[in-house]
């Protein structure tokens, strides 16, 4: 039989047969007078065995030993395969649990799961789509920079600012911040800075009392680069004034 006939009988493609030849699990048969490879029933049986092993998840590269030998070697490979599958199941179970959490929180899948519920809370609290997008991007960046060790500290900060008693005041100052622009006078800017600092100063004091090894001074330029791209000059100036004021809080 030729390759098409073998493929049809075994339920594989001719391309698959060529691949079996390339990786060495199926010997290439001699060609007939017409130039086509000529397979026999033994090749068919070999291909059926290859399909059975592939269905178990065994890589083609590891099949020759199983196809040509039996015994302890086969059992050992099956033991390793079972361990790998168990590990995959654990990873998939963890992924499903994480997806379930994100779906329950109606959160975007690109947000760190520990922080997703807080961003959903902010959006529901009246944050504009533009500010929600900025908040999302900076959260993704910050979560990456603090790493796993700094995540509990970051979660504590988000828990504090999403407190129902504080959230309305925070969303109000964020809305005021979004409205800052070239039209904003000095007096208005000063009042905004005062209100912002008054709102966030208690949170900063609490965080300063919390022990943390987080040091982002070396990556501050990344946040500056981001804010420069997404904020207008008045908003950037406001952040500079706010930062100077908050840095003086002990």
Protein backbone atom coordinates (compact mmCIF):
# COMPACT_ATOMS: atom_id res chain seq x y z
CA UNK A 1 0.00 0.00 0.00
CA UNK A 2 1.16 3.59 -0.61
CA UNK A 3 1.27 6.40 1.96
CA UNK A 4 -2.24 7.62 1.15
CA UNK A 5 -3.69 4.17 1.62
CA UNK A 6 -1.78 3.64 4.87
CA UNK A 7 -2.85 7.02 6.18
CA UNK A 8 -6.47 6.31 5.34
CA UNK A 9 -6.39 2.91 7.06
CA UNK A 10 -4.58 4.23 10.17
CA UNK A 11 -6.48 7.49 10.40
CA UNK A 12 -3.46 9.77 10.02
CA UNK A 13 -2.33 12.20 7.38
CA UNK A 14 0.45 11.63 4.88
CA UNK A 15 2.18 14.61 6.47
CA UNK A 16 2.08 12.80 9.83
CA UNK A 17 3.69 9.75 8.25
CA UNK A 18 6.51 11.92 6.92
CA UNK A 19 6.98 13.36 10.39
CA UNK A 20 7.17 9.85 11.86
CA UNK A 21 9.96 9.11 9.41
CA UNK A 22 11.80 12.32 10.32
CA UNK A 23 11.81 11.66 14.08
CA UNK A 24 12.70 7.99 13.63
CA UNK A 25 9.64 6.22 15.01
CA UNK A 26 8.70 4.74 11.62
CA UNK A 27 11.29 3.38 9.21
CA UNK A 28 11.02 4.52 5.63
CA UNK A 29 10.03 1.56 3.42
CA UNK A 30 11.54 0.95 0.00
CA UNK A 31 9.99 2.65 -2.99
CA UNK A 32 8.25 0.68 -5.71
CA UNK A 33 8.84 0.95 -9.45
CA UNK A 34 6.44 3.90 -9.55
CA UNK A 35 8.60 5.87 -7.09
CA UNK A 36 6.10 5.70 -4.21
CA UNK A 37 6.88 4.26 -0.78
CA UNK A 38 5.41 0.81 -0.35
CA UNK A 39 4.07 -0.01 3.14
CA UNK A 40 2.81 -3.33 4.46
CA UNK A 41 0.64 -4.52 7.33
CA UNK A 42 3.57 -4.34 9.76
CA UNK A 43 3.89 -0.62 9.06
CA UNK A 44 0.17 -0.25 9.65
CA UNK A 45 0.47 -1.96 13.04
CA UNK A 46 3.43 0.28 13.93
CA UNK A 47 1.47 3.41 13.07
CA UNK A 48 -1.50 2.23 15.14
CA UNK A 49 0.84 1.68 18.10
CA UNK A 50 2.30 5.16 17.58
CA UNK A 51 -1.19 6.64 17.66
CA UNK A 52 -1.99 4.77 20.86
CA UNK A 53 1.15 6.07 22.58
CA UNK A 54 0.52 9.60 21.33
CA UNK A 55 -2.99 9.47 22.80
CA UNK A 56 -1.36 8.87 26.20
CA UNK A 57 0.69 12.03 25.76
CA UNK A 58 4.00 10.31 25.13
CA UNK A 59 6.30 12.45 22.93
CA UNK A 60 7.33 10.94 19.62
CA UNK A 61 10.99 11.24 20.56
CA UNK A 62 10.46 8.85 23.50
CA UNK A 63 8.47 6.26 21.56
CA UNK A 64 11.21 4.13 19.96
CA UNK A 65 12.12 2.54 23.30
CA UNK A 66 8.47 1.65 23.94
CA UNK A 67 7.83 0.44 20.42
CA UNK A 68 10.86 -1.80 20.32
CA UNK A 69 11.09 -2.93 23.95
CA UNK A 70 8.86 -3.72 26.91
CA UNK A 71 9.30 -4.10 30.64
CA UNK A 72 10.71 -1.79 33.30
CA UNK A 73 11.64 0.93 30.82
CA UNK A 74 8.03 1.28 29.70
CA UNK A 75 6.74 1.29 33.29
CA UNK A 76 9.26 3.96 34.27
CA UNK A 77 8.20 6.17 31.39
CA UNK A 78 4.55 5.78 32.33
CA UNK A 79 5.37 6.73 35.92
CA UNK A 80 7.09 9.92 34.75
CA UNK A 81 4.23 10.67 32.39
CA UNK A 82 1.72 10.23 35.21
CA UNK A 83 3.68 12.67 37.38
CA UNK A 84 3.79 15.22 34.58
CA UNK A 85 0.06 14.90 33.99
CA UNK A 86 -0.63 15.30 37.71
CA UNK A 87 1.42 18.50 37.72
CA UNK A 88 -0.47 19.75 34.66
CA UNK A 89 -3.78 19.02 36.36
CA UNK A 90 -2.66 21.01 39.40
CA UNK A 91 -1.68 23.95 37.19
CA UNK A 92 -4.97 23.80 35.28
CA UNK A 93 -6.95 23.58 38.51
CA UNK A 94 -5.15 26.67 39.81
CA UNK A 95 -5.87 28.48 36.54
CA UNK A 96 -9.56 27.58 36.70
CA UNK A 97 -9.79 28.80 40.30
CA UNK A 98 -8.16 32.06 39.27
CA UNK A 99 -10.50 32.48 36.29
CA UNK A 100 -13.48 31.82 38.56
CA UNK A 101 -12.31 34.54 40.94
CA UNK A 102 -11.87 37.03 38.10
CA UNK A 103 -15.30 36.21 36.67
CA UNK A 104 -16.91 36.57 40.08
CA UNK A 105 -15.25 39.97 40.53
CA UNK A 106 -16.07 40.98 36.93
CA UNK A 107 -12.41 41.88 36.60
CA UNK A 108 -10.20 42.11 33.54
CA UNK A 109 -7.94 39.05 33.12
CA UNK A 110 -4.81 41.19 32.63
CA UNK A 111 -4.99 42.58 36.18
CA UNK A 112 -3.04 40.93 39.03
CA UNK A 113 -5.70 38.74 40.68
CA UNK A 114 -4.85 39.98 44.17
CA UNK A 115 -5.74 43.53 43.11
CA UNK A 116 -8.51 42.94 40.55
CA UNK A 117 -11.39 43.39 42.99
CA UNK A 118 -10.10 46.79 44.07
CA UNK A 119 -9.96 48.14 40.52
CA UNK A 120 -13.49 46.86 39.97
CA UNK A 121 -14.54 48.75 43.11
CA UNK A 122 -12.92 51.97 41.89
CA UNK A 123 -14.60 51.70 38.50
CA UNK A 124 -17.96 51.12 40.16
CA UNK A 125 -17.31 54.13 42.39
CA UNK A 126 -17.45 56.51 39.47
CA UNK A 127 -13.92 56.50 38.07
CA UNK A 128 -13.97 57.67 34.46
CA UNK A 129 -12.87 55.19 31.76
CA UNK A 130 -9.75 57.28 31.08
CA UNK A 131 -8.68 57.36 34.73
CA UNK A 132 -9.61 53.70 35.16
CA UNK A 133 -7.29 52.85 32.27
CA UNK A 134 -4.42 54.84 33.80
CA UNK A 135 -5.06 53.22 37.17
CA UNK A 136 -5.08 49.77 35.56
CA UNK A 137 -1.80 50.30 33.71
CA UNK A 138 -0.02 51.71 36.73
CA UNK A 139 -1.34 48.88 38.89
CA UNK A 140 0.03 46.30 36.46
CA UNK A 141 3.41 48.05 36.46
CA UNK A 142 3.52 48.52 40.23
CA UNK A 143 2.52 44.92 40.96
CA UNK A 144 5.33 43.68 38.73
CA UNK A 145 7.91 45.95 40.34
CA UNK A 146 7.08 45.09 43.95
CA UNK A 147 7.05 41.38 43.17
CA UNK A 148 5.57 38.60 45.25
CA UNK A 149 7.28 39.81 48.44
CA UNK A 150 5.77 43.29 48.17
CA UNK A 151 2.30 42.19 47.12
CA UNK A 152 0.86 41.96 50.68
CA UNK A 153 1.92 45.56 51.31
CA UNK A 154 0.35 46.64 48.03
CA UNK A 155 -2.86 44.78 48.80
CA UNK A 156 -2.99 46.54 52.16
CA UNK A 157 -2.74 49.91 50.43
CA UNK A 158 -5.55 49.08 48.00
CA UNK A 159 -7.70 47.74 50.80
CA UNK A 160 -7.27 51.02 52.64
CA UNK A 161 -8.15 53.32 49.74
CA UNK A 162 -11.12 51.16 48.72
CA UNK A 163 -12.65 51.34 52.20
CA UNK A 164 -16.33 52.32 51.77
CA UNK A 165 -15.89 55.20 54.21
CA UNK A 166 -12.99 56.64 52.23
CA UNK A 167 -13.77 55.67 48.66
CA UNK A 168 -16.18 58.57 47.88
CA UNK A 169 -13.59 61.16 48.94
CA UNK A 170 -10.90 59.45 46.87
CA UNK A 171 -13.03 59.22 43.73
CA UNK A 172 -13.93 62.90 44.18
CA UNK A 173 -10.31 64.08 44.28
CA UNK A 174 -9.46 61.80 41.35
CA UNK A 175 -12.28 63.42 39.34
CA UNK A 176 -10.90 66.84 40.30
CA UNK A 177 -7.44 65.72 39.26
CA UNK A 178 -8.75 64.62 35.87
CA UNK A 179 -10.27 68.08 35.30
CA UNK A 180 -6.95 69.89 35.82
CA UNK A 181 -5.60 71.53 32.70
CA UNK A 182 -4.18 74.73 31.18
CA UNK A 183 -7.29 76.60 32.35
CA UNK A 184 -6.60 75.76 36.01
CA UNK A 185 -5.52 78.82 38.02
CA UNK A 186 -2.91 78.79 40.78
CA UNK A 187 -5.49 79.20 43.55
CA UNK A 188 -7.55 76.32 42.23
CA UNK A 189 -4.46 74.16 41.91
CA UNK A 190 -3.41 74.96 45.48
CA UNK A 191 -6.88 74.08 46.80
CA UNK A 192 -6.80 70.79 44.93
CA UNK A 193 -3.35 69.91 46.30
CA UNK A 194 -4.53 70.71 49.83
CA UNK A 195 -7.59 68.52 49.45
CA UNK A 196 -5.64 65.67 47.89
CA UNK A 197 -3.01 65.73 50.64
CA UNK A 198 -5.69 65.92 53.34
CA UNK A 199 -7.41 62.87 51.85
CA UNK A 200 -4.31 60.73 51.43
CA UNK A 201 -2.16 61.89 54.36
CA UNK A 202 -3.78 59.48 56.87
CA UNK A 203 -3.19 56.59 54.49
CA UNK A 204 0.44 57.59 53.99
CA UNK A 205 0.96 57.80 57.75
CA UNK A 206 -0.49 54.33 58.21
CA UNK A 207 1.71 52.91 55.47
CA UNK A 208 4.79 54.57 56.92
CA UNK A 209 4.10 52.72 60.16
CA UNK A 210 3.94 49.41 58.32
CA UNK A 211 7.21 47.57 57.96
CA UNK A 212 8.12 47.03 54.33
CA UNK A 213 11.29 46.32 52.40
CA UNK A 214 9.85 47.75 49.19
CA UNK A 215 12.20 50.24 47.55
CA UNK A 216 11.04 51.68 44.24
CA UNK A 217 13.49 54.57 44.06
CA UNK A 218 15.47 52.83 41.35
CA UNK A 219 12.44 52.46 39.08
CA UNK A 220 10.74 55.80 39.75
CA UNK A 221 11.70 56.85 36.24
CA UNK A 222 9.31 54.29 34.79
CA UNK A 223 6.35 55.92 36.54
CA UNK A 224 7.56 59.35 35.47
CA UNK A 225 7.77 58.15 31.87
CA UNK A 226 4.25 56.78 32.05
CA UNK A 227 2.69 59.86 33.64
CA UNK A 228 4.47 62.12 31.18
CA UNK A 229 2.80 60.25 28.34
CA UNK A 230 -0.73 60.12 29.77
CA UNK A 231 -1.09 63.33 31.85
CA UNK A 232 -1.10 66.97 30.88
CA UNK A 233 1.48 69.40 32.26
CA UNK A 234 -0.86 70.78 34.93
CA UNK A 235 -1.60 67.30 36.25
CA UNK A 236 2.10 66.48 36.28
CA UNK A 237 2.85 69.67 38.19
CA UNK A 238 0.12 68.79 40.68
CA UNK A 239 1.70 65.40 41.26
CA UNK A 240 5.06 67.03 41.90
CA UNK A 241 3.50 69.32 44.51
CA UNK A 242 1.58 66.44 46.09
CA UNK A 243 4.68 64.25 46.18
CA UNK A 244 6.70 66.95 47.92
CA UNK A 245 3.99 67.42 50.53
CA UNK A 246 3.46 63.71 51.18
CA UNK A 247 7.19 63.05 51.46
CA UNK A 248 7.26 65.34 54.50
CA UNK A 249 4.72 63.16 56.32
CA UNK A 250 6.23 60.95 59.01
